[in-house]
Amino acid sequence: MAKVRSLEIETSFGGVISEAPFENVKPLYRDKIIIDIEEGDDPAEIRKSYRKLLQDEQICEFDLLKNKLKSDLLQIQYQNIKFREKGGKQYPRVSSIIYWMKDWRISESDLAQYAARGHLIHKLCEYFIYNQIWLSLEELAEKDPECNKDITLMLSGSLKLSVDDCSHKQFFETHGKDFQFDFVEETVFNEEYFYTGCFDGEGFYKGKKSIIDLKTGSWEWKQLAAYARCRDKIEQLVICPVGPNDNKSGVKKPVVCTNIDMEFNNFLKDRAEFKKRFGI
């Protein structure tokens, strides 16, 4: 029987993370393992192999911490930058990549009120798509208590906004027959270009597989194109304008974009600029 002896292997890895919400962070990782080797094994090769394995894990932990601290700092410094976590990594959101430096030219209070109404319209449409019933705000609050904050903000805000000013009901009454939703509200992650996003729905519009987004205001096609590149076989991007409008009919038509490649390239320019500016 071959003789067995123990081999102790110890590694460490450390560094300085300067982009953090507080002073420089200096993490240090140490690992030690003891393994049994048999007569005839090459201790030097075994030590080298295990050291690399341990150090790769330490470097991965360091990179994850660096990614988290940097994303925490950016969310403190920039109100328009948000991240979503997956597998310990913080992915920048599509909306943050596109709009982080946008000047909305309205006050934060007004922007919050518009956002609250937009979120409520999305929730009302989502329930209608699945159940073919329009809820009142009171009924929506009962079914989804998290909407209470948006309802209060919208109704008590200085702009006196109302969901009744939007055209979501008229839109689905007029155009609903042309849509088939596979699902509503989907969060996606793109590993190749390192971003995440949440879009309103995927399904079919007039028989073509589509990324579908409900909009109460303006939009940019490159945002939907970024979502499309996280899904399979998307043929077109479709906007459903469900906000206020001054059309005599009270409703606008769906807006379609089929040049997904061009719009995705436009998004990639923003993604490259975001990474150049923030290193993430």
C-alpha atoms as a PDB file:
ATOM      1  CA  MET A   1       0.000   0.000   0.000  1.00  0.00           C
ATOM      2  CA  ALA A   2       1.399   3.415  -0.982  1.00  0.00           C
ATOM      3  CA  LYS A   3       2.437   5.679   1.875  1.00  0.00           C
ATOM      4  CA  VAL A   4       0.294   8.734   2.455  1.00  0.00           C
ATOM      5  CA  ARG A   5       1.478  12.039   3.883  1.00  0.00           C
ATOM      6  CA  SER A   6      -0.162  15.412   4.417  1.00  0.00           C
ATOM      7  CA  LEU A   7       0.598  18.509   2.390  1.00  0.00           C
ATOM      8  CA  GLU A   8      -0.360  21.947   3.746  1.00  0.00           C
ATOM      9  CA  ILE A   9      -1.169  24.625   1.185  1.00  0.00           C
ATOM     10  CA  GLU A  10      -1.809  28.269   2.104  1.00  0.00           C
ATOM     11  CA  THR A  11      -2.584  31.248  -0.133  1.00  0.00           C
ATOM     12  CA  SER A  12      -3.570  34.862   0.333  1.00  0.00           C
ATOM     13  CA  PHE A  13      -4.772  37.678  -1.900  1.00  0.00           C
ATOM     14  CA  GLY A  14      -5.532  41.298  -1.144  1.00  0.00           C
ATOM     15  CA  GLY A  15      -5.885  44.713  -2.699  1.00  0.00           C
ATOM     16  CA  VAL A  16      -7.245  48.219  -2.335  1.00  0.00           C
ATOM     17  CA  ILE A  17     -10.722  49.233  -3.492  1.00  0.00           C
ATOM     18  CA  SER A  18     -10.793  53.005  -3.745  1.00  0.00           C
ATOM     19  CA  GLU A  19     -14.263  53.365  -5.327  1.00  0.00           C
ATOM     20  CA  ALA A  20     -16.432  52.644  -2.307  1.00  0.00           C
ATOM     21  CA  PRO A  21     -19.045  54.518  -0.242  1.00  0.00           C
ATOM     22  CA  PHE A  22     -16.417  55.101   2.466  1.00  0.00           C
ATOM     23  CA  GLU A  23     -12.621  55.204   2.832  1.00  0.00           C
ATOM     24  CA  ASN A  24     -10.413  52.839   0.849  1.00  0.00           C
ATOM     25  CA  VAL A  25     -11.344  49.227   1.503  1.00  0.00           C
ATOM     26  CA  LYS A  26      -8.469  46.772   1.837  1.00  0.00           C
ATOM     27  CA  PRO A  27      -9.848  43.232   1.822  1.00  0.00           C
ATOM     28  CA  LEU A  28      -7.452  40.374   2.485  1.00  0.00           C
ATOM     29  CA  TYR A  29      -8.360  36.758   1.763  1.00  0.00           C
ATOM     30  CA  ARG A  30      -6.474  33.854   3.344  1.00  0.00           C
ATOM     31  CA  ASP A  31      -7.103  30.170   2.787  1.00  0.00           C
ATOM     32  CA  LYS A  32      -5.348  27.060   4.036  1.00  0.00           C
ATOM     33  CA  ILE A  33      -6.063  23.473   3.166  1.00  0.00           C
ATOM     34  CA  ILE A  34      -4.444  20.176   4.087  1.00  0.00           C
ATOM     35  CA  ILE A  35      -4.564  17.358   1.568  1.00  0.00           C
ATOM     36  CA  ASP A  36      -3.235  13.802   1.564  1.00  0.00           C
ATOM     37  CA  ILE A  37      -0.790  12.808  -1.145  1.00  0.00           C
ATOM     38  CA  GLU A  38       0.564   9.405  -1.986  1.00  0.00           C
ATOM     39  CA  GLU A  39       4.099   8.264  -2.612  1.00  0.00           C
ATOM     40  CA  GLY A  40       5.049   9.114  -6.182  1.00  0.00           C
ATOM     41  CA  ASP A  41       2.912  12.258  -6.356  1.00  0.00           C
ATOM     42  CA  ASP A  42       4.733  15.465  -7.226  1.00  0.00           C
ATOM     43  CA  PRO A  43       4.252  17.838  -4.238  1.00  0.00           C
ATOM     44  CA  ALA A  44       5.383  20.886  -6.237  1.00  0.00           C
ATOM     45  CA  GLU A  45       2.845  20.312  -9.001  1.00  0.00           C
ATOM     46  CA  ILE A  46       0.059  19.570  -6.538  1.00  0.00           C
ATOM     47  CA  ARG A  47       0.898  22.674  -4.505  1.00  0.00           C
ATOM     48  CA  LYS A  48       0.948  24.803  -7.667  1.00  0.00           C
ATOM     49  CA  SER A  49      -2.389  23.435  -8.854  1.00  0.00           C
ATOM     50  CA  TYR A  50      -4.183  23.963  -5.540  1.00  0.00           C
ATOM     51  CA  ARG A  51      -2.670  27.401  -5.019  1.00  0.00           C
ATOM     52  CA  LYS A  52      -4.021  28.500  -8.397  1.00  0.00           C
ATOM     53  CA  LEU A  53      -7.434  27.093  -7.545  1.00  0.00           C
ATOM     54  CA  LEU A  54      -7.533  28.913  -4.210  1.00  0.00           C
ATOM     55  CA  GLN A  55      -6.233  32.176  -5.625  1.00  0.00           C
ATOM     56  CA  ASP A  56      -8.749  32.107  -8.472  1.00  0.00           C
ATOM     57  CA  GLU A  57     -11.501  31.843  -5.862  1.00  0.00           C
ATOM     58  CA  GLN A  58      -9.982  34.696  -3.835  1.00  0.00           C
ATOM     59  CA  ILE A  59      -9.706  36.928  -6.901  1.00  0.00           C
ATOM     60  CA  CYS A  60     -13.336  36.150  -7.740  1.00  0.00           C
ATOM     61  CA  GLU A  61     -14.397  37.168  -4.208  1.00  0.00           C
ATOM     62  CA  PHE A  62     -12.345  40.363  -4.500  1.00  0.00           C
ATOM     63  CA  ASP A  63     -13.942  41.228  -7.855  1.00  0.00           C
ATOM     64  CA  LEU A  64     -17.448  40.599  -6.490  1.00  0.00           C
ATOM     65  CA  LEU A  65     -16.786  42.901  -3.537  1.00  0.00           C
ATOM     66  CA  LYS A  66     -15.312  45.553  -5.830  1.00  0.00           C
ATOM     67  CA  ASN A  67     -18.360  45.341  -8.097  1.00  0.00           C
ATOM     68  CA  LYS A  68     -20.746  45.689  -5.132  1.00  0.00           C
ATOM     69  CA  LEU A  69     -18.932  48.610  -3.517  1.00  0.00           C
ATOM     70  CA  LYS A  70     -18.623  50.466  -6.796  1.00  0.00           C
ATOM     71  CA  SER A  71     -22.328  49.990  -7.566  1.00  0.00           C
ATOM     72  CA  ASP A  72     -23.237  51.118  -4.023  1.00  0.00           C
ATOM     73  CA  LEU A  73     -21.164  54.275  -4.503  1.00  0.00           C
ATOM     74  CA  LEU A  74     -22.706  55.086  -7.893  1.00  0.00           C
ATOM     75  CA  GLN A  75     -26.233  54.737  -6.527  1.00  0.00           C
ATOM     76  CA  ILE A  76     -25.334  57.237  -3.799  1.00  0.00           C
ATOM     77  CA  GLN A  77     -23.699  59.680  -6.209  1.00  0.00           C
ATOM     78  CA  TYR A  78     -26.217  59.440  -9.075  1.00  0.00           C
ATOM     79  CA  GLN A  79     -29.955  59.273  -8.527  1.00  0.00           C
ATOM     80  CA  ASN A  80     -30.531  57.907 -12.049  1.00  0.00           C
ATOM     81  CA  ILE A  81     -28.201  54.908 -11.677  1.00  0.00           C
ATOM     82  CA  LYS A  82     -29.619  51.640 -10.364  1.00  0.00           C
ATOM     83  CA  PHE A  83     -28.392  48.036 -10.299  1.00  0.00           C
ATOM     84  CA  ARG A  84     -29.932  44.599  -9.952  1.00  0.00           C
ATOM     85  CA  GLU A  85     -28.183  41.655  -8.304  1.00  0.00           C
ATOM     86  CA  LYS A  86     -27.694  38.182  -9.744  1.00  0.00           C
ATOM     87  CA  GLY A  87     -25.263  35.562  -8.523  1.00  0.00           C
ATOM     88  CA  GLY A  88     -23.538  38.040  -6.251  1.00  0.00           C
ATOM     89  CA  LYS A  89     -22.924  40.507  -9.093  1.00  0.00           C
ATOM     90  CA  GLN A  90     -24.509  43.935  -9.486  1.00  0.00           C
ATOM     91  CA  TYR A  91     -25.681  44.516 -13.080  1.00  0.00           C
ATOM     92  CA  PRO A  92     -26.427  48.073 -14.286  1.00  0.00           C
ATOM     93  CA  ARG A  93     -29.987  48.520 -15.509  1.00  0.00           C
ATOM     94  CA  VAL A  94     -30.763  49.366 -19.127  1.00  0.00           C
ATOM     95  CA  SER A  95     -32.575  52.549 -18.088  1.00  0.00           C
ATOM     96  CA  SER A  96     -29.562  53.659 -16.046  1.00  0.00           C
ATOM     97  CA  ILE A  97     -27.172  53.049 -18.932  1.00  0.00           C
ATOM     98  CA  ILE A  98     -29.307  55.162 -21.278  1.00  0.00           C
ATOM     99  CA  TYR A  99     -30.581  57.893 -18.964  1.00  0.00           C
ATOM    100  CA  TRP A 100     -27.980  58.345 -16.197  1.00  0.00           C
ATOM    101  CA  MET A 101     -26.946  61.795 -17.424  1.00  0.00           C
ATOM    102  CA  LYS A 102     -30.306  62.894 -18.823  1.00  0.00           C
ATOM    103  CA  ASP A 103     -31.586  66.262 -17.636  1.00  0.00           C
ATOM    104  CA  TRP A 104     -35.327  65.740 -17.245  1.00  0.00           C
ATOM    105  CA  ARG A 105     -35.904  69.522 -16.953  1.00  0.00           C
ATOM    106  CA  ILE A 106     -38.627  69.028 -14.377  1.00  0.00           C
ATOM    107  CA  SER A 107     -38.429  68.894 -10.603  1.00  0.00           C
ATOM    108  CA  GLU A 108     -37.794  65.650  -8.759  1.00  0.00           C
ATOM    109  CA  SER A 109     -41.234  65.978  -7.169  1.00  0.00           C
ATOM    110  CA  ASP A 110     -42.987  66.238 -10.544  1.00  0.00           C
ATOM    111  CA  LEU A 111     -40.915  63.386 -11.952  1.00  0.00           C
ATOM    112  CA  ALA A 112     -41.894  61.163  -9.009  1.00  0.00           C
ATOM    113  CA  GLN A 113     -45.586  61.922  -9.582  1.00  0.00           C
ATOM    114  CA  TYR A 114     -45.393  61.014 -13.271  1.00  0.00           C
ATOM    115  CA  ALA A 115     -43.490  57.842 -12.382  1.00  0.00           C
ATOM    116  CA  ALA A 116     -46.143  56.891  -9.818  1.00  0.00           C
ATOM    117  CA  ARG A 117     -48.952  57.282 -12.358  1.00  0.00           C
ATOM    118  CA  GLY A 118     -46.983  55.334 -14.965  1.00  0.00           C
ATOM    119  CA  HIS A 119     -46.432  52.476 -12.527  1.00  0.00           C
ATOM    120  CA  LEU A 120     -50.134  52.373 -11.647  1.00  0.00           C
ATOM    121  CA  ILE A 121     -51.141  52.298 -15.327  1.00  0.00           C
ATOM    122  CA  HIS A 122     -48.772  49.372 -15.841  1.00  0.00           C
ATOM    123  CA  LYS A 123     -50.296  47.490 -12.919  1.00  0.00           C
ATOM    124  CA  LEU A 124     -53.861  48.132 -14.109  1.00  0.00           C
ATOM    125  CA  CYS A 125     -52.970  46.937 -17.618  1.00  0.00           C
ATOM    126  CA  GLU A 126     -51.189  43.880 -16.271  1.00  0.00           C
ATOM    127  CA  TYR A 127     -54.277  42.806 -14.333  1.00  0.00           C
ATOM    128  CA  PHE A 128     -56.482  43.442 -17.359  1.00  0.00           C
ATOM    129  CA  ILE A 129     -54.241  41.402 -19.685  1.00  0.00           C
ATOM    130  CA  TYR A 130     -54.465  38.370 -17.411  1.00  0.00           C
ATOM    131  CA  ASN A 131     -58.075  38.746 -16.235  1.00  0.00           C
ATOM    132  CA  GLN A 132     -59.870  40.982 -18.772  1.00  0.00           C
ATOM    133  CA  ILE A 133     -61.133  43.173 -15.937  1.00  0.00           C
ATOM    134  CA  TRP A 134     -60.285  46.790 -15.201  1.00  0.00           C
ATOM    135  CA  LEU A 135     -59.731  47.440 -11.510  1.00  0.00           C
ATOM    136  CA  SER A 136     -60.381  50.694  -9.705  1.00  0.00           C
ATOM    137  CA  LEU A 137     -57.469  52.122  -7.718  1.00  0.00           C
ATOM    138  CA  GLU A 138     -59.161  50.931  -4.516  1.00  0.00           C
ATOM    139  CA  GLU A 139     -59.403  47.381  -5.874  1.00  0.00           C
ATOM    140  CA  LEU A 140     -55.808  47.520  -7.111  1.00  0.00           C
ATOM    141  CA  ALA A 141     -54.608  48.582  -3.658  1.00  0.00           C
ATOM    142  CA  GLU A 142     -56.461  45.653  -2.087  1.00  0.00           C
ATOM    143  CA  LYS A 143     -54.877  43.156  -4.455  1.00  0.00           C
ATOM    144  CA  ASP A 144     -51.424  44.770  -4.444  1.00  0.00           C
ATOM    145  CA  PRO A 145     -50.829  46.794  -1.243  1.00  0.00           C
ATOM    146  CA  GLU A 146     -47.448  47.946  -2.547  1.00  0.00           C
ATOM    147  CA  CYS A 147     -49.343  50.221  -4.958  1.00  0.00           C
ATOM    148  CA  ASN A 148     -50.624  52.309  -2.043  1.00  0.00           C
ATOM    149  CA  LYS A 149     -47.462  54.407  -2.025  1.00  0.00           C
ATOM    150  CA  ASP A 150     -47.870  55.304  -5.710  1.00  0.00           C
ATOM    151  CA  ILE A 151     -51.577  56.005  -5.273  1.00  0.00           C
ATOM    152  CA  THR A 152     -50.934  58.365  -2.371  1.00  0.00           C
ATOM    153  CA  LEU A 153     -48.109  60.115  -4.202  1.00  0.00           C
ATOM    154  CA  MET A 154     -50.175  60.608  -7.364  1.00  0.00           C
ATOM    155  CA  LEU A 155     -53.392  61.752  -5.662  1.00  0.00           C
ATOM    156  CA  SER A 156     -51.740  64.062  -3.146  1.00  0.00           C
ATOM    157  CA  GLY A 157     -49.173  65.549  -5.539  1.00  0.00           C
ATOM    158  CA  SER A 158     -49.195  69.130  -6.748  1.00  0.00           C
ATOM    159  CA  LEU A 159     -49.836  68.052 -10.364  1.00  0.00           C
ATOM    160  CA  LYS A 160     -53.196  66.469  -9.465  1.00  0.00           C
ATOM    161  CA  LEU A 161     -52.589  63.572 -11.851  1.00  0.00           C
ATOM    162  CA  SER A 162     -55.180  60.872 -12.452  1.00  0.00           C
ATOM    163  CA  VAL A 163     -55.203  57.513 -14.193  1.00  0.00           C
ATOM    164  CA  ASP A 164     -58.509  58.598 -15.758  1.00  0.00           C
ATOM    165  CA  ASP A 165     -56.554  61.021 -17.943  1.00  0.00           C
ATOM    166  CA  CYS A 166     -54.745  58.115 -19.621  1.00  0.00           C
ATOM    167  CA  SER A 167     -55.958  56.087 -22.578  1.00  0.00           C
ATOM    168  CA  HIS A 168     -55.152  52.533 -21.449  1.00  0.00           C
ATOM    169  CA  LYS A 169     -58.767  51.348 -21.519  1.00  0.00           C
ATOM    170  CA  GLN A 170     -59.459  52.859 -24.938  1.00  0.00           C
ATOM    171  CA  PHE A 171     -56.193  51.430 -26.266  1.00  0.00           C
ATOM    172  CA  PHE A 172     -57.016  47.833 -25.360  1.00  0.00           C
ATOM    173  CA  GLU A 173     -60.633  48.226 -26.447  1.00  0.00           C
ATOM    174  CA  THR A 174     -59.423  49.352 -29.885  1.00  0.00           C
ATOM    175  CA  HIS A 175     -56.226  47.344 -30.388  1.00  0.00           C
ATOM    176  CA  GLY A 176     -56.374  44.512 -27.851  1.00  0.00           C
ATOM    177  CA  LYS A 177     -57.502  41.991 -30.468  1.00  0.00           C
ATOM    178  CA  ASP A 178     -54.149  42.393 -32.287  1.00  0.00           C
ATOM    179  CA  PHE A 179     -52.108  41.339 -29.243  1.00  0.00           C
ATOM    180  CA  GLN A 180     -51.351  37.989 -27.698  1.00  0.00           C
ATOM    181  CA  PHE A 181     -49.285  38.204 -24.501  1.00  0.00           C
ATOM    182  CA  ASP A 182     -47.190  35.217 -23.462  1.00  0.00           C
ATOM    183  CA  PHE A 183     -46.337  36.920 -20.183  1.00  0.00           C
ATOM    184  CA  VAL A 184     -46.211  40.352 -18.550  1.00  0.00           C
ATOM    185  CA  GLU A 185     -43.291  41.805 -16.572  1.00  0.00           C
ATOM    186  CA  GLU A 186     -40.012  39.984 -17.189  1.00  0.00           C
ATOM    187  CA  THR A 187     -36.570  40.650 -15.746  1.00  0.00           C
ATOM    188  CA  VAL A 188     -33.631  39.701 -17.976  1.00  0.00           C
ATOM    189  CA  PHE A 189     -29.835  39.668 -17.665  1.00  0.00           C
ATOM    190  CA  ASN A 190     -27.334  39.914 -20.500  1.00  0.00           C
ATOM    191  CA  GLU A 191     -24.102  38.174 -19.563  1.00  0.00           C
ATOM    192  CA  GLU A 192     -22.178  39.176 -22.686  1.00  0.00           C
ATOM    193  CA  TYR A 193     -22.638  42.932 -22.325  1.00  0.00           C
ATOM    194  CA  PHE A 194     -23.322  42.888 -18.579  1.00  0.00           C
ATOM    195  CA  TYR A 195     -26.651  44.634 -18.086  1.00  0.00           C
ATOM    196  CA  THR A 196     -30.132  43.906 -16.804  1.00  0.00           C
ATOM    197  CA  GLY A 197     -33.615  45.181 -17.499  1.00  0.00           C
ATOM    198  CA  CYS A 198     -37.308  44.648 -16.885  1.00  0.00           C
ATOM    199  CA  PHE A 199     -39.767  45.001 -19.750  1.00  0.00           C
ATOM    200  CA  ASP A 200     -43.534  45.017 -19.806  1.00  0.00           C
ATOM    201  CA  GLY A 201     -44.317  42.002 -21.913  1.00  0.00           C
ATOM    202  CA  GLU A 202     -43.470  39.506 -24.615  1.00  0.00           C
ATOM    203  CA  GLY A 203     -45.912  38.040 -27.067  1.00  0.00           C
ATOM    204  CA  PHE A 204     -47.298  38.589 -30.535  1.00  0.00           C
ATOM    205  CA  TYR A 205     -48.564  41.684 -32.285  1.00  0.00           C
ATOM    206  CA  LYS A 206     -50.344  40.924 -35.550  1.00  0.00           C
ATOM    207  CA  GLY A 207     -48.721  37.500 -35.602  1.00  0.00           C
ATOM    208  CA  LYS A 208     -45.093  38.581 -35.084  1.00  0.00           C
ATOM    209  CA  LYS A 209     -43.120  37.810 -31.945  1.00  0.00           C
ATOM    210  CA  SER A 210     -42.558  41.076 -30.115  1.00  0.00           C
ATOM    211  CA  ILE A 211     -41.154  42.846 -27.111  1.00  0.00           C
ATOM    212  CA  ILE A 212     -44.107  44.952 -25.979  1.00  0.00           C
ATOM    213  CA  ASP A 213     -43.849  48.033 -23.789  1.00  0.00           C
ATOM    214  CA  LEU A 214     -46.634  50.183 -22.354  1.00  0.00           C
ATOM    215  CA  LYS A 215     -45.717  53.873 -22.336  1.00  0.00           C
ATOM    216  CA  THR A 216     -47.478  56.822 -20.736  1.00  0.00           C
ATOM    217  CA  GLY A 217     -44.754  59.192 -21.998  1.00  0.00           C
ATOM    218  CA  SER A 218     -41.752  59.238 -24.310  1.00  0.00           C
ATOM    219  CA  TRP A 219     -39.493  56.282 -25.175  1.00  0.00           C
ATOM    220  CA  GLU A 220     -36.357  55.232 -27.050  1.00  0.00           C
ATOM    221  CA  TRP A 221     -36.214  52.154 -29.246  1.00  0.00           C
ATOM    222  CA  LYS A 222     -32.708  51.246 -28.092  1.00  0.00           C
ATOM    223  CA  GLN A 223     -34.116  50.466 -24.651  1.00  0.00           C
ATOM    224  CA  LEU A 224     -36.465  47.838 -26.073  1.00  0.00           C
ATOM    225  CA  ALA A 225     -33.730  46.546 -28.380  1.00  0.00           C
ATOM    226  CA  ALA A 226     -31.567  45.851 -25.317  1.00  0.00           C
ATOM    227  CA  TYR A 227     -34.396  43.734 -23.889  1.00  0.00           C
ATOM    228  CA  ALA A 228     -34.885  41.970 -27.223  1.00  0.00           C
ATOM    229  CA  ARG A 229     -31.250  40.841 -27.286  1.00  0.00           C
ATOM    230  CA  CYS A 230     -31.895  38.935 -24.065  1.00  0.00           C
ATOM    231  CA  ARG A 231     -34.693  36.897 -25.660  1.00  0.00           C
ATOM    232  CA  ASP A 232     -35.004  34.479 -28.589  1.00  0.00           C
ATOM    233  CA  LYS A 233     -36.372  35.136 -32.057  1.00  0.00           C
ATOM    234  CA  ILE A 234     -37.841  38.579 -31.442  1.00  0.00           C
ATOM    235  CA  GLU A 235     -39.091  40.018 -34.748  1.00  0.00           C
ATOM    236  CA  GLN A 236     -40.167  43.489 -33.713  1.00  0.00           C
ATOM    237  CA  LEU A 237     -40.480  46.048 -30.939  1.00  0.00           C
ATOM    238  CA  VAL A 238     -43.934  47.431 -30.143  1.00  0.00           C
ATOM    239  CA  ILE A 239     -44.879  50.487 -28.112  1.00  0.00           C
ATOM    240  CA  CYS A 240     -48.409  50.775 -26.737  1.00  0.00           C
ATOM    241  CA  PRO A 241     -49.082  54.499 -26.104  1.00  0.00           C
ATOM    242  CA  VAL A 242     -51.463  54.436 -23.147  1.00  0.00           C
ATOM    243  CA  GLY A 243     -50.830  57.884 -21.679  1.00  0.00           C
ATOM    244  CA  PRO A 244     -52.847  61.085 -22.123  1.00  0.00           C
ATOM    245  CA  ASN A 245     -53.421  62.113 -25.734  1.00  0.00           C
ATOM    246  CA  ASP A 246     -55.342  64.735 -27.658  1.00  0.00           C
ATOM    247  CA  ASN A 247     -56.522  62.523 -30.516  1.00  0.00           C
ATOM    248  CA  LYS A 248     -60.208  62.947 -31.332  1.00  0.00           C
ATOM    249  CA  SER A 249     -60.626  59.202 -31.048  1.00  0.00           C
ATOM    250  CA  GLY A 250     -59.012  59.247 -27.603  1.00  0.00           C
ATOM    251  CA  VAL A 251     -56.541  56.547 -28.565  1.00  0.00           C
ATOM    252  CA  LYS A 252     -53.236  56.210 -30.425  1.00  0.00           C
ATOM    253  CA  LYS A 253     -52.069  53.348 -32.638  1.00  0.00           C
ATOM    254  CA  PRO A 254     -49.299  50.906 -31.609  1.00  0.00           C
ATOM    255  CA  VAL A 255     -45.866  51.986 -32.854  1.00  0.00           C
ATOM    256  CA  VAL A 256     -43.617  49.324 -34.382  1.00  0.00           C
ATOM    257  CA  CYS A 257     -39.859  49.083 -34.970  1.00  0.00           C
ATOM    258  CA  THR A 258     -38.324  46.192 -36.940  1.00  0.00           C
ATOM    259  CA  ASN A 259     -34.711  47.437 -37.153  1.00  0.00           C
ATOM    260  CA  ILE A 260     -33.624  45.823 -33.907  1.00  0.00           C
ATOM    261  CA  ASP A 261     -29.966  45.478 -34.931  1.00  0.00           C
ATOM    262  CA  MET A 262     -29.534  49.194 -35.538  1.00  0.00           C
ATOM    263  CA  GLU A 263     -31.234  50.156 -32.285  1.00  0.00           C
ATOM    264  CA  PHE A 264     -29.195  47.610 -30.338  1.00  0.00           C
ATOM    265  CA  ASN A 265     -26.004  49.108 -31.784  1.00  0.00           C
ATOM    266  CA  ASN A 266     -27.226  52.484 -30.536  1.00  0.00           C
ATOM    267  CA  PHE A 267     -27.646  50.966 -27.098  1.00  0.00           C
ATOM    268  CA  LEU A 268     -24.155  49.447 -27.216  1.00  0.00           C
ATOM    269  CA  LYS A 269     -22.715  52.934 -27.738  1.00  0.00           C
ATOM    270  CA  ASP A 270     -24.386  53.990 -24.498  1.00  0.00           C
ATOM    271  CA  ARG A 271     -23.149  50.810 -22.810  1.00  0.00           C
ATOM    272  CA  ALA A 272     -19.573  51.512 -23.876  1.00  0.00           C
ATOM    273  CA  GLU A 273     -19.807  55.121 -22.675  1.00  0.00           C
ATOM    274  CA  PHE A 274     -21.227  53.971 -19.322  1.00  0.00           C
ATOM    275  CA  LYS A 275     -18.371  51.493 -18.835  1.00  0.00           C
ATOM    276  CA  LYS A 276     -15.786  54.076 -19.864  1.00  0.00           C
ATOM    277  CA  ARG A 277     -17.219  56.598 -17.403  1.00  0.00           C
ATOM    278  CA  PHE A 278     -17.837  54.290 -14.434  1.00  0.00           C
ATOM    279  CA  GLY A 279     -15.711  51.190 -15.099  1.00  0.00           C
ATOM    280  CA  ILE A 280     -18.586  48.773 -14.634  1.00  0.00           C
END
